[in-house]
C-alpha atoms as a PDB file:
ATOM      1  CA  UNK A   1      10.761  30.143  -9.038  1.00  0.00           C
ATOM      2  CA  UNK A   2      12.882  27.538  -7.255  1.00  0.00           C
ATOM      3  CA  UNK A   3      10.673  27.719  -4.176  1.00  0.00           C
ATOM      4  CA  UNK A   4       7.561  27.167  -6.293  1.00  0.00           C
ATOM      5  CA  UNK A   5       9.142  24.112  -7.930  1.00  0.00           C
ATOM      6  CA  UNK A   6      10.093  22.687  -4.523  1.00  0.00           C
ATOM      7  CA  UNK A   7       6.562  23.210  -3.252  1.00  0.00           C
ATOM      8  CA  UNK A   8       5.136  21.440  -6.312  1.00  0.00           C
ATOM      9  CA  UNK A   9       7.568  18.542  -5.846  1.00  0.00           C
ATOM     10  CA  UNK A  10       6.632  18.262  -2.165  1.00  0.00           C
ATOM     11  CA  UNK A  11       2.939  18.304  -3.077  1.00  0.00           C
ATOM     12  CA  UNK A  12       3.335  15.594  -5.716  1.00  0.00           C
ATOM     13  CA  UNK A  13       5.371  13.415  -3.325  1.00  0.00           C
ATOM     14  CA  UNK A  14       2.694  13.854  -0.673  1.00  0.00           C
ATOM     15  CA  UNK A  15       0.009  12.888  -3.193  1.00  0.00           C
ATOM     16  CA  UNK A  16       2.031   9.808  -4.205  1.00  0.00           C
ATOM     17  CA  UNK A  17       2.306   8.733  -0.564  1.00  0.00           C
ATOM     18  CA  UNK A  18      -1.435   9.177  -0.068  1.00  0.00           C
ATOM     19  CA  UNK A  19      -2.142   7.176  -3.221  1.00  0.00           C
ATOM     20  CA  UNK A  20       0.202   4.400  -2.060  1.00  0.00           C
ATOM     21  CA  UNK A  21      -1.520   4.295   1.328  1.00  0.00           C
ATOM     22  CA  UNK A  22      -4.979   4.128  -0.261  1.00  0.00           C
ATOM     23  CA  UNK A  23      -3.783   1.350  -2.570  1.00  0.00           C
ATOM     24  CA  UNK A  24      -2.321  -0.551   0.379  1.00  0.00           C
ATOM     25  CA  UNK A  25      -5.585  -0.311   2.291  1.00  0.00           C
ATOM     26  CA  UNK A  26      -7.597  -1.422  -0.733  1.00  0.00           C
ATOM     27  CA  UNK A  27      -5.328  -4.439  -1.218  1.00  0.00           C
ATOM     28  CA  UNK A  28      -5.683  -5.374   2.439  1.00  0.00           C
ATOM     29  CA  UNK A  29      -9.475  -5.189   2.225  1.00  0.00           C
ATOM     30  CA  UNK A  30      -9.515  -7.291  -0.937  1.00  0.00           C
ATOM     31  CA  UNK A  31      -7.228  -9.896   0.604  1.00  0.00           C
ATOM     32  CA  UNK A  32      -9.404 -10.168   3.707  1.00  0.00           C
ATOM     33  CA  UNK A  33     -12.525 -10.442   1.542  1.00  0.00           C
ATOM     34  CA  UNK A  34     -10.937 -13.282  -0.445  1.00  0.00           C
ATOM     35  CA  UNK A  35      -9.882 -15.027   2.743  1.00  0.00           C
ATOM     36  CA  UNK A  36     -13.430 -14.894   4.088  1.00  0.00           C
ATOM     37  CA  UNK A  37     -14.869 -16.233   0.820  1.00  0.00           C
ATOM     38  CA  UNK A  38     -12.400 -19.128   0.862  1.00  0.00           C
ATOM     39  CA  UNK A  39     -12.988 -19.801   4.528  1.00  0.00           C
ATOM     40  CA  UNK A  40      -9.323 -19.242   5.321  1.00  0.00           C
ATOM     41  CA  UNK A  41      -8.061 -18.242   8.710  1.00  0.00           C
ATOM     42  CA  UNK A  42      -4.769 -16.804   9.891  1.00  0.00           C
ATOM     43  CA  UNK A  43      -3.599 -20.327  10.711  1.00  0.00           C
ATOM     44  CA  UNK A  44      -4.329 -21.782   7.267  1.00  0.00           C
ATOM     45  CA  UNK A  45      -3.227 -19.128   4.805  1.00  0.00           C
ATOM     46  CA  UNK A  46       0.215 -18.686   3.297  1.00  0.00           C
ATOM     47  CA  UNK A  47       1.669 -15.350   4.402  1.00  0.00           C
ATOM     48  CA  UNK A  48       4.586 -15.159   1.943  1.00  0.00           C
ATOM     49  CA  UNK A  49       2.863 -13.471  -1.040  1.00  0.00           C
ATOM     50  CA  UNK A  50       0.945 -11.130   1.264  1.00  0.00           C
ATOM     51  CA  UNK A  51       4.064 -10.097   3.139  1.00  0.00           C
ATOM     52  CA  UNK A  52       6.013  -9.557  -0.094  1.00  0.00           C
ATOM     53  CA  UNK A  53       3.259  -7.298  -1.395  1.00  0.00           C
ATOM     54  CA  UNK A  54       3.086  -5.480   1.930  1.00  0.00           C
ATOM     55  CA  UNK A  55       6.840  -4.913   1.931  1.00  0.00           C
ATOM     56  CA  UNK A  56       6.734  -3.524  -1.603  1.00  0.00           C
ATOM     57  CA  UNK A  57       3.954  -1.141  -0.600  1.00  0.00           C
ATOM     58  CA  UNK A  58       5.966   0.037   2.407  1.00  0.00           C
ATOM     59  CA  UNK A  59       8.975   0.661   0.157  1.00  0.00           C
ATOM     60  CA  UNK A  60       6.807   2.749  -2.171  1.00  0.00           C
ATOM     61  CA  UNK A  61       5.462   4.766   0.739  1.00  0.00           C
ATOM     62  CA  UNK A  62       8.990   5.583   1.935  1.00  0.00           C
ATOM     63  CA  UNK A  63      10.013   7.043  -1.444  1.00  0.00           C
END
């Protein structure tokens, strides 16, 4: 009973990590798409909001 519950918890945590990774990748693709549409380059864009979002995603993946 306890083992089954632990396995289910491990599975759900693994699924949450996968979902967080997929979300992170989707956000990165969307950000790059927006940058291309705006004609922005690495030199001209503001990294702060992107890095804050990236850091939050990393925190979620660690949990």
